[in-house]
Amino acid sequence: VEIALREAKVEYTFYEVDLQNKPSWFVDKVNPVGKVPAITYGGPVVPPNEPSPASFKLAESLVILEFIIDLFPEANLLPRDPVERASARFLVNLFAEKLRTAYINVLVNRASTQEFITAIDELQKYMPPPGDNKGPYVNGSTFTSIDAVAAGFLLRLDGCLKRDIGSFPEGEGVKAYNTLHTSERYERYRAYLSALLQRESVSGTFPQVCSHHFQ
C-alpha cells in the first residue's frame, strides 16, 4: 500500500501499529477487525491516533490498493486497456495469494523453505529475463500494482531467508537464500528483485531492508 502511495506521489501520514499491542483507538475507530494495513481518507487533518469520524476508513491490502488506483489513475498502476487491466488484476491476485501463503507458512507455521522456492518457481515465468528489452517489471517498462504487491512480500521473505529468520530449522533459511541467489535456475528472480530494489518507491518504503539486502 505504501509503495502504491509513493508511486502516486501523494502526501500521506504514516503511523505504525504495534500488532502485539494494538491501541484501542485503532480497533474502535479505524478497523474493528484490528488488521493492518488500514487507511483513513478525507475529513479534517488530525493526528493519526485521533482519527476523525468524518474520514473514510478502509482495510485489507488489495482493497486499499484498488482504491489508490481509482483515486490516482495518473500513477498508471494498472493498464488503461480493459483486457490488459484484467490480466494485470489476475496477476496481482496470483502473486498476492502465492506469496502471502508462503510468507505466513515459512515464517510462522513451520513450513519448509521449499514452499517459498516453489512459489518462485511458479511465478518466475511472469518475471522478465535479465536485460529484457521490454523492461524489468512484470508488465514491461511500467511499474504496476503487480510489482508493488510482489515487492512487499519478496523483500521481506528474501531478507528473512538471508538472516535465517523464520519458523524453519536453523540453517535452512540461509541454504534456501543461497539457492535462490546462486542457481542459474533463478536468474529471473534475481534480476526482478534487483529491479524492485532500485525503484525509489520500494527502497523508500523499506530503507533498512534495501540498504542492507545484499551485504
N, C-alpha and C. Protein backbone atom coordinates (compact mmCIF):
# COMPACT_ATOMS: atom_id res chain seq x y z
N VAL A 1 0.83 -1.20 0.00
CA VAL A 1 0.00 0.00 0.00
C VAL A 1 0.87 1.25 0.00
N GLU A 2 1.89 1.27 0.85
CA GLU A 2 2.75 2.45 0.91
C GLU A 2 3.54 2.63 -0.39
N ILE A 3 3.92 1.54 -1.01
CA ILE A 3 4.61 1.63 -2.30
C ILE A 3 3.70 2.30 -3.32
N ALA A 4 2.43 1.90 -3.35
CA ALA A 4 1.47 2.49 -4.28
C ALA A 4 1.28 3.98 -4.01
N LEU A 5 1.23 4.36 -2.75
CA LEU A 5 1.08 5.78 -2.41
C LEU A 5 2.29 6.58 -2.89
N ARG A 6 3.47 6.00 -2.76
CA ARG A 6 4.67 6.69 -3.23
C ARG A 6 4.68 6.80 -4.76
N GLU A 7 4.21 5.75 -5.43
CA GLU A 7 4.14 5.79 -6.89
C GLU A 7 3.16 6.88 -7.34
N ALA A 8 2.10 7.07 -6.58
CA ALA A 8 1.10 8.09 -6.92
C ALA A 8 1.56 9.49 -6.54
N LYS A 9 2.69 9.55 -5.80
CA LYS A 9 3.27 10.84 -5.38
C LYS A 9 2.27 11.71 -4.60
N VAL A 10 1.61 11.08 -3.65
CA VAL A 10 0.66 11.81 -2.82
C VAL A 10 1.22 11.95 -1.41
N GLU A 11 0.80 12.98 -0.72
CA GLU A 11 1.20 13.18 0.67
C GLU A 11 0.34 12.31 1.57
N TYR A 12 0.97 11.69 2.53
CA TYR A 12 0.23 10.86 3.48
C TYR A 12 0.99 10.85 4.80
N THR A 13 0.30 10.47 5.84
CA THR A 13 0.92 10.36 7.16
C THR A 13 0.98 8.89 7.54
N PHE A 14 2.18 8.43 7.86
CA PHE A 14 2.37 7.02 8.22
C PHE A 14 2.31 6.85 9.73
N TYR A 15 1.62 5.81 10.17
CA TYR A 15 1.58 5.50 11.60
C TYR A 15 1.74 3.99 11.74
N GLU A 16 2.73 3.58 12.52
CA GLU A 16 2.98 2.16 12.71
C GLU A 16 2.21 1.64 13.91
N VAL A 17 1.43 0.60 13.69
CA VAL A 17 0.63 -0.01 14.75
C VAL A 17 1.36 -1.23 15.30
N ASP A 18 1.50 -1.29 16.60
CA ASP A 18 2.12 -2.44 17.27
C ASP A 18 1.13 -3.60 17.22
N LEU A 19 1.43 -4.61 16.44
CA LEU A 19 0.50 -5.73 16.26
C LEU A 19 0.32 -6.56 17.52
N GLN A 20 1.30 -6.49 18.41
CA GLN A 20 1.20 -7.24 19.66
C GLN A 20 0.45 -6.47 20.74
N ASN A 21 0.29 -5.18 20.51
CA ASN A 21 -0.39 -4.34 21.50
C ASN A 21 -1.15 -3.24 20.76
N LYS A 22 -2.18 -3.62 20.04
CA LYS A 22 -2.92 -2.68 19.21
C LYS A 22 -3.63 -1.65 20.07
N PRO A 23 -3.46 -0.37 19.76
CA PRO A 23 -4.13 0.67 20.54
C PRO A 23 -5.65 0.59 20.38
N SER A 24 -6.35 0.93 21.43
CA SER A 24 -7.82 0.82 21.41
C SER A 24 -8.44 1.72 20.35
N TRP A 25 -7.84 2.89 20.11
CA TRP A 25 -8.42 3.80 19.12
C TRP A 25 -8.39 3.21 17.72
N PHE A 26 -7.37 2.37 17.44
CA PHE A 26 -7.27 1.77 16.11
C PHE A 26 -8.41 0.79 15.88
N VAL A 27 -8.67 -0.04 16.87
CA VAL A 27 -9.74 -1.04 16.76
C VAL A 27 -11.11 -0.37 16.81
N ASP A 28 -11.26 0.61 17.68
CA ASP A 28 -12.56 1.26 17.86
C ASP A 28 -12.93 2.21 16.72
N LYS A 29 -11.92 2.90 16.17
CA LYS A 29 -12.23 3.98 15.24
C LYS A 29 -11.74 3.79 13.81
N VAL A 30 -10.87 2.79 13.59
CA VAL A 30 -10.32 2.60 12.24
C VAL A 30 -10.71 1.25 11.65
N ASN A 31 -10.33 0.18 12.32
CA ASN A 31 -10.62 -1.16 11.81
C ASN A 31 -10.99 -2.10 12.95
N PRO A 32 -12.27 -2.37 13.14
CA PRO A 32 -12.72 -3.23 14.23
C PRO A 32 -12.09 -4.62 14.21
N VAL A 33 -11.68 -5.08 13.02
CA VAL A 33 -11.05 -6.39 12.91
C VAL A 33 -9.62 -6.34 13.45
N GLY A 34 -9.03 -5.15 13.45
CA GLY A 34 -7.69 -4.98 14.01
C GLY A 34 -6.55 -5.29 13.06
N LYS A 35 -6.85 -5.55 11.80
CA LYS A 35 -5.80 -5.89 10.85
C LYS A 35 -5.14 -4.64 10.27
N VAL A 36 -3.89 -4.81 9.84
CA VAL A 36 -3.18 -3.77 9.10
C VAL A 36 -2.80 -4.34 7.74
N PRO A 37 -2.64 -3.48 6.73
CA PRO A 37 -2.78 -2.03 6.80
C PRO A 37 -4.23 -1.58 6.80
N ALA A 38 -4.41 -0.34 7.20
CA ALA A 38 -5.71 0.33 7.12
C ALA A 38 -5.43 1.80 6.84
N ILE A 39 -6.37 2.47 6.21
CA ILE A 39 -6.17 3.89 5.93
C ILE A 39 -7.42 4.68 6.31
N THR A 40 -7.21 5.97 6.55
CA THR A 40 -8.32 6.91 6.66
C THR A 40 -8.15 7.91 5.53
N TYR A 41 -9.28 8.30 4.93
CA TYR A 41 -9.23 9.19 3.76
C TYR A 41 -10.29 10.28 3.91
N GLY A 42 -9.87 11.51 3.66
CA GLY A 42 -10.81 12.61 3.75
C GLY A 42 -10.99 13.10 5.18
N GLY A 43 -11.90 14.03 5.37
CA GLY A 43 -12.12 14.60 6.69
C GLY A 43 -11.05 15.61 7.04
N PRO A 44 -11.09 16.16 8.24
CA PRO A 44 -10.11 17.18 8.65
C PRO A 44 -8.73 16.57 8.89
N VAL A 45 -7.71 17.41 8.86
CA VAL A 45 -6.35 16.96 9.15
C VAL A 45 -6.20 16.81 10.66
N VAL A 46 -5.95 15.59 11.09
CA VAL A 46 -5.84 15.29 12.52
C VAL A 46 -4.65 14.36 12.74
N PRO A 47 -4.16 14.24 13.98
CA PRO A 47 -3.11 13.27 14.26
C PRO A 47 -3.60 11.85 13.95
N PRO A 48 -2.74 10.96 13.47
CA PRO A 48 -3.16 9.60 13.12
C PRO A 48 -3.85 8.85 14.25
N ASN A 49 -3.44 9.12 15.48
CA ASN A 49 -4.04 8.42 16.61
C ASN A 49 -5.32 9.09 17.13
N GLU A 50 -5.79 10.07 16.35
CA GLU A 50 -7.06 10.71 16.68
C GLU A 50 -7.93 10.79 15.42
N PRO A 51 -8.26 9.63 14.82
CA PRO A 51 -9.00 9.63 13.55
C PRO A 51 -10.36 10.31 13.66
N SER A 52 -10.68 11.07 12.63
CA SER A 52 -11.94 11.81 12.63
C SER A 52 -13.10 10.92 12.19
N PRO A 53 -14.27 11.08 12.80
CA PRO A 53 -15.46 10.34 12.35
C PRO A 53 -15.84 10.71 10.92
N ALA A 54 -15.36 11.86 10.45
CA ALA A 54 -15.71 12.33 9.11
C ALA A 54 -14.88 11.67 8.01
N SER A 55 -13.81 10.97 8.38
CA SER A 55 -12.95 10.34 7.37
C SER A 55 -13.46 8.95 7.00
N PHE A 56 -13.12 8.54 5.79
CA PHE A 56 -13.48 7.21 5.29
C PHE A 56 -12.40 6.23 5.72
N LYS A 57 -12.80 5.10 6.27
CA LYS A 57 -11.84 4.10 6.72
C LYS A 57 -11.90 2.87 5.82
N LEU A 58 -10.73 2.32 5.54
CA LEU A 58 -10.66 1.16 4.65
C LEU A 58 -9.51 0.26 5.07
N ALA A 59 -9.72 -1.06 4.99
CA ALA A 59 -8.70 -2.04 5.36
C ALA A 59 -8.56 -3.09 4.26
N GLU A 60 -7.60 -3.98 4.43
CA GLU A 60 -7.24 -5.05 3.50
C GLU A 60 -6.39 -4.49 2.35
N SER A 61 -5.19 -5.04 2.24
CA SER A 61 -4.18 -4.52 1.30
C SER A 61 -4.67 -4.36 -0.13
N LEU A 62 -5.24 -5.42 -0.69
CA LEU A 62 -5.63 -5.37 -2.10
C LEU A 62 -6.81 -4.44 -2.33
N VAL A 63 -7.69 -4.33 -1.34
CA VAL A 63 -8.82 -3.40 -1.46
C VAL A 63 -8.31 -1.96 -1.43
N ILE A 64 -7.39 -1.68 -0.52
CA ILE A 64 -6.80 -0.34 -0.45
C ILE A 64 -6.04 -0.03 -1.73
N LEU A 65 -5.33 -1.02 -2.25
CA LEU A 65 -4.58 -0.84 -3.49
C LEU A 65 -5.50 -0.43 -4.63
N GLU A 66 -6.64 -1.10 -4.77
CA GLU A 66 -7.61 -0.75 -5.81
C GLU A 66 -8.15 0.66 -5.59
N PHE A 67 -8.35 1.04 -4.35
CA PHE A 67 -8.83 2.38 -4.02
C PHE A 67 -7.82 3.44 -4.47
N ILE A 68 -6.55 3.19 -4.21
CA ILE A 68 -5.49 4.12 -4.62
C ILE A 68 -5.44 4.22 -6.14
N ILE A 69 -5.57 3.08 -6.81
CA ILE A 69 -5.56 3.07 -8.28
C ILE A 69 -6.70 3.91 -8.83
N ASP A 70 -7.87 3.80 -8.22
CA ASP A 70 -9.03 4.57 -8.67
C ASP A 70 -8.87 6.06 -8.38
N LEU A 71 -8.28 6.38 -7.23
CA LEU A 71 -8.09 7.78 -6.86
C LEU A 71 -7.04 8.48 -7.72
N PHE A 72 -6.00 7.74 -8.10
CA PHE A 72 -4.86 8.34 -8.80
C PHE A 72 -4.54 7.58 -10.08
N PRO A 73 -5.42 7.64 -11.07
CA PRO A 73 -5.20 6.89 -12.32
C PRO A 73 -3.94 7.31 -13.05
N GLU A 74 -3.50 8.56 -12.82
CA GLU A 74 -2.30 9.06 -13.50
C GLU A 74 -1.03 8.33 -13.05
N ALA A 75 -1.10 7.58 -11.95
CA ALA A 75 0.05 6.81 -11.49
C ALA A 75 0.30 5.58 -12.35
N ASN A 76 -0.69 5.22 -13.18
CA ASN A 76 -0.57 4.08 -14.11
C ASN A 76 -0.23 2.77 -13.40
N LEU A 77 -0.84 2.56 -12.25
CA LEU A 77 -0.60 1.32 -11.52
C LEU A 77 -1.35 0.14 -12.12
N LEU A 78 -2.28 0.41 -13.01
CA LEU A 78 -2.93 -0.61 -13.83
C LEU A 78 -3.02 -0.07 -15.26
N PRO A 79 -2.91 -0.95 -16.27
CA PRO A 79 -3.05 -0.50 -17.65
C PRO A 79 -4.45 0.07 -17.90
N ARG A 80 -4.57 0.93 -18.90
CA ARG A 80 -5.87 1.52 -19.25
C ARG A 80 -6.72 0.57 -20.09
N ASP A 81 -6.07 -0.22 -20.95
CA ASP A 81 -6.79 -1.15 -21.81
C ASP A 81 -7.53 -2.19 -20.96
N PRO A 82 -8.83 -2.42 -21.20
CA PRO A 82 -9.62 -3.34 -20.37
C PRO A 82 -9.06 -4.75 -20.30
N VAL A 83 -8.57 -5.27 -21.43
CA VAL A 83 -8.03 -6.63 -21.45
C VAL A 83 -6.73 -6.69 -20.64
N GLU A 84 -5.84 -5.73 -20.89
CA GLU A 84 -4.57 -5.69 -20.14
C GLU A 84 -4.82 -5.43 -18.66
N ARG A 85 -5.82 -4.64 -18.38
CA ARG A 85 -6.17 -4.32 -16.99
C ARG A 85 -6.65 -5.57 -16.25
N ALA A 86 -7.50 -6.35 -16.92
CA ALA A 86 -8.00 -7.59 -16.32
C ALA A 86 -6.86 -8.58 -16.11
N SER A 87 -5.96 -8.66 -17.09
CA SER A 87 -4.81 -9.55 -16.98
C SER A 87 -3.92 -9.15 -15.81
N ALA A 88 -3.71 -7.85 -15.64
CA ALA A 88 -2.88 -7.36 -14.53
C ALA A 88 -3.54 -7.67 -13.20
N ARG A 89 -4.85 -7.51 -13.11
CA ARG A 89 -5.56 -7.82 -11.87
C ARG A 89 -5.42 -9.30 -11.52
N PHE A 90 -5.48 -10.14 -12.53
CA PHE A 90 -5.29 -11.58 -12.31
C PHE A 90 -3.92 -11.84 -11.70
N LEU A 91 -2.89 -11.19 -12.24
CA LEU A 91 -1.54 -11.40 -11.73
C LEU A 91 -1.34 -10.80 -10.34
N VAL A 92 -2.00 -9.69 -10.06
CA VAL A 92 -1.95 -9.12 -8.71
C VAL A 92 -2.46 -10.15 -7.71
N ASN A 93 -3.60 -10.75 -8.01
CA ASN A 93 -4.18 -11.75 -7.11
C ASN A 93 -3.32 -13.00 -7.03
N LEU A 94 -2.74 -13.41 -8.16
CA LEU A 94 -1.90 -14.61 -8.17
C LEU A 94 -0.65 -14.40 -7.32
N PHE A 95 0.06 -13.30 -7.54
CA PHE A 95 1.26 -13.01 -6.76
C PHE A 95 0.92 -12.88 -5.27
N ALA A 96 -0.17 -12.18 -4.97
CA ALA A 96 -0.56 -11.98 -3.58
C ALA A 96 -0.88 -13.31 -2.90
N GLU A 97 -1.63 -14.16 -3.58
CA GLU A 97 -2.02 -15.44 -3.00
C GLU A 97 -0.82 -16.35 -2.76
N LYS A 98 0.02 -16.51 -3.78
CA LYS A 98 1.18 -17.40 -3.67
C LYS A 98 2.17 -16.91 -2.62
N LEU A 99 2.47 -15.61 -2.66
CA LEU A 99 3.50 -15.08 -1.76
C LEU A 99 3.00 -14.90 -0.34
N ARG A 100 1.73 -14.53 -0.18
CA ARG A 100 1.19 -14.40 1.18
C ARG A 100 1.18 -15.75 1.88
N THR A 101 0.76 -16.79 1.16
CA THR A 101 0.73 -18.14 1.74
C THR A 101 2.13 -18.59 2.13
N ALA A 102 3.09 -18.40 1.24
CA ALA A 102 4.47 -18.79 1.54
C ALA A 102 5.02 -17.99 2.71
N TYR A 103 4.71 -16.70 2.75
CA TYR A 103 5.19 -15.82 3.81
C TYR A 103 4.72 -16.31 5.18
N ILE A 104 3.43 -16.56 5.30
CA ILE A 104 2.87 -16.99 6.58
C ILE A 104 3.37 -18.37 6.97
N ASN A 105 3.37 -19.29 6.02
CA ASN A 105 3.74 -20.67 6.34
C ASN A 105 5.22 -20.81 6.67
N VAL A 106 6.08 -20.15 5.91
CA VAL A 106 7.52 -20.29 6.12
C VAL A 106 7.99 -19.53 7.36
N LEU A 107 7.44 -18.36 7.59
CA LEU A 107 7.92 -17.55 8.72
C LEU A 107 7.20 -17.84 10.03
N VAL A 108 5.98 -18.39 9.94
CA VAL A 108 5.19 -18.58 11.16
C VAL A 108 4.77 -20.03 11.39
N ASN A 109 4.33 -20.70 10.36
CA ASN A 109 3.69 -22.01 10.52
C ASN A 109 4.61 -23.21 10.35
N ARG A 110 5.91 -22.98 10.47
CA ARG A 110 6.91 -24.05 10.46
C ARG A 110 6.95 -24.86 9.16
N ALA A 111 6.57 -24.24 8.07
CA ALA A 111 6.67 -24.91 6.78
C ALA A 111 8.12 -24.89 6.29
N SER A 112 8.44 -25.77 5.38
CA SER A 112 9.78 -25.81 4.80
C SER A 112 10.01 -24.58 3.93
N THR A 113 11.26 -24.14 3.87
CA THR A 113 11.61 -23.02 2.99
C THR A 113 11.36 -23.38 1.53
N GLN A 114 11.22 -24.67 1.26
CA GLN A 114 10.94 -25.11 -0.10
C GLN A 114 9.62 -24.54 -0.60
N GLU A 115 8.71 -24.21 0.31
CA GLU A 115 7.43 -23.65 -0.10
C GLU A 115 7.62 -22.30 -0.79
N PHE A 116 8.55 -21.50 -0.29
CA PHE A 116 8.83 -20.22 -0.94
C PHE A 116 9.51 -20.45 -2.28
N ILE A 117 10.45 -21.37 -2.33
CA ILE A 117 11.14 -21.66 -3.58
C ILE A 117 10.15 -22.17 -4.63
N THR A 118 9.20 -23.00 -4.20
CA THR A 118 8.17 -23.50 -5.12
C THR A 118 7.32 -22.35 -5.66
N ALA A 119 7.00 -21.40 -4.79
CA ALA A 119 6.23 -20.23 -5.22
C ALA A 119 7.00 -19.44 -6.27
N ILE A 120 8.31 -19.29 -6.07
CA ILE A 120 9.14 -18.58 -7.04
C ILE A 120 9.18 -19.35 -8.36
N ASP A 121 9.26 -20.68 -8.28
CA ASP A 121 9.24 -21.50 -9.49
C ASP A 121 7.98 -21.21 -10.31
N GLU A 122 6.85 -21.06 -9.62
CA GLU A 122 5.58 -20.85 -10.30
C GLU A 122 5.44 -19.42 -10.83
N LEU A 123 6.04 -18.45 -10.14
CA LEU A 123 5.86 -17.04 -10.51
C LEU A 123 6.94 -16.52 -11.45
N GLN A 124 8.07 -17.23 -11.52
CA GLN A 124 9.20 -16.74 -12.32
C GLN A 124 8.86 -16.52 -13.78
N LYS A 125 7.93 -17.30 -14.31
CA LYS A 125 7.61 -17.19 -15.74
C LYS A 125 7.00 -15.83 -16.07
N TYR A 126 6.50 -15.13 -15.04
CA TYR A 126 5.93 -13.80 -15.26
C TYR A 126 6.98 -12.70 -15.07
N MET A 127 8.14 -13.09 -14.56
CA MET A 127 9.23 -12.13 -14.36
C MET A 127 10.07 -12.08 -15.62
N PRO A 128 10.44 -10.89 -16.10
CA PRO A 128 11.21 -10.80 -17.34
C PRO A 128 12.62 -11.36 -17.18
N PRO A 129 13.18 -11.91 -18.26
CA PRO A 129 14.57 -12.38 -18.19
C PRO A 129 15.52 -11.20 -18.03
N PRO A 130 16.72 -11.43 -17.50
CA PRO A 130 17.68 -10.34 -17.32
C PRO A 130 17.95 -9.61 -18.64
N GLY A 131 17.92 -8.28 -18.60
CA GLY A 131 18.21 -7.49 -19.79
C GLY A 131 17.12 -7.47 -20.83
N ASP A 132 15.92 -7.86 -20.48
CA ASP A 132 14.80 -7.87 -21.43
C ASP A 132 14.55 -6.46 -21.98
N ASN A 133 14.47 -6.35 -23.30
CA ASN A 133 14.25 -5.04 -23.92
C ASN A 133 12.89 -4.43 -23.57
N LYS A 134 11.95 -5.26 -23.17
CA LYS A 134 10.61 -4.76 -22.84
C LYS A 134 10.59 -4.02 -21.50
N GLY A 135 11.59 -4.28 -20.66
CA GLY A 135 11.65 -3.63 -19.37
C GLY A 135 11.82 -4.61 -18.24
N PRO A 136 12.14 -4.13 -17.03
CA PRO A 136 12.48 -5.01 -15.91
C PRO A 136 11.31 -5.48 -15.05
N TYR A 137 10.09 -4.99 -15.35
CA TYR A 137 8.95 -5.30 -14.50
C TYR A 137 8.02 -6.33 -15.15
N VAL A 138 7.08 -6.83 -14.41
CA VAL A 138 6.18 -7.85 -14.92
C VAL A 138 5.44 -7.36 -16.16
N ASN A 139 5.07 -6.09 -16.17
CA ASN A 139 4.35 -5.52 -17.30
C ASN A 139 5.26 -4.75 -18.25
N GLY A 140 6.54 -5.09 -18.24
CA GLY A 140 7.48 -4.42 -19.13
C GLY A 140 8.18 -3.26 -18.46
N SER A 141 8.13 -2.10 -19.11
CA SER A 141 8.85 -0.93 -18.58
C SER A 141 8.05 -0.16 -17.54
N THR A 142 6.78 -0.49 -17.39
CA THR A 142 5.91 0.23 -16.45
C THR A 142 5.77 -0.51 -15.14
N PHE A 143 6.08 0.15 -14.05
CA PHE A 143 5.90 -0.40 -12.70
C PHE A 143 4.41 -0.34 -12.38
N THR A 144 3.82 -1.49 -12.06
CA THR A 144 2.38 -1.55 -11.80
C THR A 144 2.09 -2.12 -10.42
N SER A 145 0.81 -2.28 -10.13
CA SER A 145 0.39 -2.83 -8.84
C SER A 145 0.89 -4.26 -8.66
N ILE A 146 1.14 -4.96 -9.75
CA ILE A 146 1.71 -6.32 -9.64
C ILE A 146 3.05 -6.24 -8.93
N ASP A 147 3.87 -5.32 -9.37
CA ASP A 147 5.22 -5.16 -8.79
C ASP A 147 5.15 -4.64 -7.36
N ALA A 148 4.18 -3.78 -7.09
CA ALA A 148 4.03 -3.26 -5.72
C ALA A 148 3.70 -4.39 -4.75
N VAL A 149 2.80 -5.28 -5.18
CA VAL A 149 2.43 -6.42 -4.33
C VAL A 149 3.62 -7.37 -4.18
N ALA A 150 4.28 -7.67 -5.29
CA ALA A 150 5.42 -8.59 -5.25
C ALA A 150 6.53 -8.07 -4.35
N ALA A 151 6.84 -6.79 -4.46
CA ALA A 151 7.94 -6.21 -3.68
C ALA A 151 7.71 -6.36 -2.19
N GLY A 152 6.48 -6.10 -1.75
CA GLY A 152 6.18 -6.17 -0.32
C GLY A 152 6.49 -7.52 0.29
N PHE A 153 6.20 -8.58 -0.46
CA PHE A 153 6.44 -9.92 0.06
C PHE A 153 7.87 -10.40 -0.22
N LEU A 154 8.34 -10.19 -1.44
CA LEU A 154 9.65 -10.72 -1.83
C LEU A 154 10.79 -10.16 -0.99
N LEU A 155 10.77 -8.86 -0.74
CA LEU A 155 11.86 -8.26 0.04
C LEU A 155 11.90 -8.81 1.45
N ARG A 156 10.74 -8.94 2.06
CA ARG A 156 10.70 -9.46 3.43
C ARG A 156 11.14 -10.93 3.47
N LEU A 157 10.58 -11.73 2.58
CA LEU A 157 10.91 -13.15 2.58
C LEU A 157 12.38 -13.39 2.26
N ASP A 158 12.88 -12.74 1.23
CA ASP A 158 14.27 -12.92 0.83
C ASP A 158 15.21 -12.46 1.94
N GLY A 159 14.89 -11.33 2.55
CA GLY A 159 15.71 -10.82 3.64
C GLY A 159 15.71 -11.73 4.86
N CYS A 160 14.55 -12.31 5.16
CA CYS A 160 14.46 -13.23 6.31
C CYS A 160 15.25 -14.51 6.05
N LEU A 161 15.19 -15.01 4.82
CA LEU A 161 15.97 -16.21 4.49
C LEU A 161 17.46 -15.92 4.66
N LYS A 162 17.89 -14.77 4.19
CA LYS A 162 19.31 -14.42 4.27
C LYS A 162 19.79 -14.40 5.72
N ARG A 163 18.92 -13.92 6.60
CA ARG A 163 19.28 -13.80 8.02
C ARG A 163 18.83 -15.01 8.84
N ASP A 164 18.31 -16.02 8.13
CA ASP A 164 17.87 -17.27 8.78
C ASP A 164 16.79 -17.01 9.82
N ILE A 165 15.87 -16.08 9.50
CA ILE A 165 14.77 -15.74 10.40
C ILE A 165 13.50 -16.42 9.91
N GLY A 166 12.89 -17.24 10.76
CA GLY A 166 11.66 -17.91 10.38
C GLY A 166 11.37 -19.08 11.29
N SER A 167 10.34 -19.84 10.97
CA SER A 167 9.95 -20.97 11.82
C SER A 167 10.58 -22.28 11.36
N PHE A 168 11.50 -22.21 10.42
CA PHE A 168 12.15 -23.39 9.86
C PHE A 168 13.38 -23.75 10.70
N PRO A 169 13.93 -24.97 10.53
CA PRO A 169 15.13 -25.37 11.27
C PRO A 169 16.31 -24.44 10.98
N GLU A 170 17.17 -24.26 11.96
CA GLU A 170 18.32 -23.38 11.81
C GLU A 170 19.17 -23.77 10.61
N GLY A 171 19.54 -22.79 9.83
CA GLY A 171 20.38 -23.02 8.66
C GLY A 171 19.61 -23.20 7.36
N GLU A 172 18.32 -23.54 7.47
CA GLU A 172 17.53 -23.78 6.26
C GLU A 172 17.27 -22.49 5.48
N GLY A 173 17.14 -21.38 6.20
CA GLY A 173 16.90 -20.11 5.53
C GLY A 173 18.08 -19.70 4.66
N VAL A 174 19.27 -19.77 5.24
CA VAL A 174 20.49 -19.41 4.50
C VAL A 174 20.68 -20.34 3.31
N LYS A 175 20.38 -21.61 3.50
CA LYS A 175 20.51 -22.58 2.42
C LYS A 175 19.58 -22.23 1.26
N ALA A 176 18.33 -21.89 1.58
CA ALA A 176 17.37 -21.51 0.54
C ALA A 176 17.79 -20.22 -0.14
N TYR A 177 18.28 -19.27 0.65
CA TYR A 177 18.75 -17.99 0.10
C TYR A 177 19.89 -18.22 -0.89
N ASN A 178 20.83 -19.05 -0.52
CA ASN A 178 21.97 -19.33 -1.40
C ASN A 178 21.51 -19.99 -2.70
N THR A 179 20.52 -20.86 -2.60
CA THR A 179 19.98 -21.49 -3.81
C THR A 179 19.38 -20.44 -4.74
N LEU A 180 18.58 -19.55 -4.19
CA LEU A 180 17.92 -18.52 -4.99
C LEU A 180 18.91 -17.52 -5.58
N HIS A 181 20.05 -17.33 -4.91
CA HIS A 181 20.98 -16.30 -5.35
C HIS A 181 22.23 -16.82 -6.05
N THR A 182 22.30 -18.13 -6.27
CA THR A 182 23.46 -18.68 -7.00
C THR A 182 23.05 -19.56 -8.18
N SER A 183 21.91 -20.19 -8.10
CA SER A 183 21.49 -21.11 -9.16
C SER A 183 21.07 -20.36 -10.43
N GLU A 184 21.50 -20.87 -11.59
CA GLU A 184 21.09 -20.29 -12.87
C GLU A 184 19.57 -20.35 -13.03
N ARG A 185 18.96 -21.32 -12.38
CA ARG A 185 17.51 -21.50 -12.48
C ARG A 185 16.75 -20.25 -12.04
N TYR A 186 17.36 -19.45 -11.14
CA TYR A 186 16.64 -18.30 -10.56
C TYR A 186 17.22 -16.96 -11.02
N GLU A 187 17.75 -16.93 -12.23
CA GLU A 187 18.27 -15.67 -12.79
C GLU A 187 17.17 -14.62 -12.91
N ARG A 188 16.00 -15.04 -13.33
CA ARG A 188 14.89 -14.10 -13.48
C ARG A 188 14.50 -13.51 -12.13
N TYR A 189 14.46 -14.35 -11.12
CA TYR A 189 14.12 -13.90 -9.77
C TYR A 189 15.11 -12.83 -9.31
N ARG A 190 16.39 -13.09 -9.48
CA ARG A 190 17.41 -12.15 -9.02
C ARG A 190 17.35 -10.83 -9.79
N ALA A 191 17.14 -10.91 -11.09
CA ALA A 191 17.05 -9.69 -11.90
C ALA A 191 15.83 -8.87 -11.50
N TYR A 192 14.74 -9.55 -11.26
CA TYR A 192 13.50 -8.86 -10.88
C TYR A 192 13.65 -8.22 -9.50
N LEU A 193 14.24 -8.96 -8.58
CA LEU A 193 14.45 -8.43 -7.23
C LEU A 193 15.35 -7.20 -7.28
N SER A 194 16.38 -7.25 -8.10
CA SER A 194 17.29 -6.12 -8.24
C SER A 194 16.56 -4.90 -8.80
N ALA A 195 15.69 -5.11 -9.78
CA ALA A 195 14.92 -4.00 -10.36
C ALA A 195 13.99 -3.38 -9.33
N LEU A 196 13.38 -4.22 -8.50
CA LEU A 196 12.50 -3.71 -7.45
C LEU A 196 13.28 -2.88 -6.44
N LEU A 197 14.45 -3.38 -6.07
CA LEU A 197 15.27 -2.68 -5.08
C LEU A 197 15.72 -1.31 -5.56
N GLN A 198 15.83 -1.15 -6.87
CA GLN A 198 16.28 0.13 -7.43
C GLN A 198 15.14 1.14 -7.60
N ARG A 199 13.92 0.70 -7.38
CA ARG A 199 12.77 1.60 -7.52
C ARG A 199 12.65 2.45 -6.26
N GLU A 200 12.56 3.78 -6.42
CA GLU A 200 12.53 4.67 -5.26
C GLU A 200 11.36 4.38 -4.35
N SER A 201 10.21 4.08 -4.92
CA SER A 201 9.03 3.81 -4.09
C SER A 201 9.23 2.59 -3.21
N VAL A 202 10.04 1.65 -3.68
CA VAL A 202 10.33 0.44 -2.91
C VAL A 202 11.43 0.69 -1.89
N SER A 203 12.56 1.24 -2.34
CA SER A 203 13.67 1.49 -1.41
C SER A 203 13.29 2.50 -0.34
N GLY A 204 12.41 3.45 -0.69
CA GLY A 204 11.97 4.43 0.29
C GLY A 204 11.02 3.87 1.32
N THR A 205 10.33 2.80 0.95
CA THR A 205 9.38 2.17 1.87
C THR A 205 10.09 1.20 2.80
N PHE A 206 11.11 0.53 2.28
CA PHE A 206 11.86 -0.43 3.08
C PHE A 206 13.33 -0.03 3.14
N PRO A 207 13.66 1.14 3.68
CA PRO A 207 15.04 1.62 3.62
C PRO A 207 16.05 0.70 4.27
N GLN A 208 15.73 0.15 5.44
CA GLN A 208 16.69 -0.70 6.12
C GLN A 208 16.85 -2.02 5.39
N VAL A 209 15.74 -2.58 4.91
CA VAL A 209 15.80 -3.84 4.18
C VAL A 209 16.63 -3.66 2.92
N CYS A 210 16.34 -2.60 2.18
CA CYS A 210 17.01 -2.40 0.89
C CYS A 210 18.48 -2.06 1.04
N SER A 211 18.82 -1.23 2.01
CA SER A 211 20.21 -0.80 2.14
C SER A 211 21.13 -1.92 2.57
N HIS A 212 20.60 -2.90 3.27
CA HIS A 212 21.44 -3.99 3.76
C HIS A 212 21.18 -5.31 3.04
N HIS A 213 20.33 -5.27 2.03
CA HIS A 213 19.84 -6.52 1.44
C HIS A 213 20.96 -7.40 0.89
N PHE A 214 21.90 -6.81 0.18
CA PHE A 214 22.92 -7.62 -0.46
C PHE A 214 24.26 -7.55 0.26
N GLN A 215 24.27 -7.09 1.49
CA GLN A 215 25.52 -7.05 2.26
C GLN A 215 25.85 -8.44 2.79
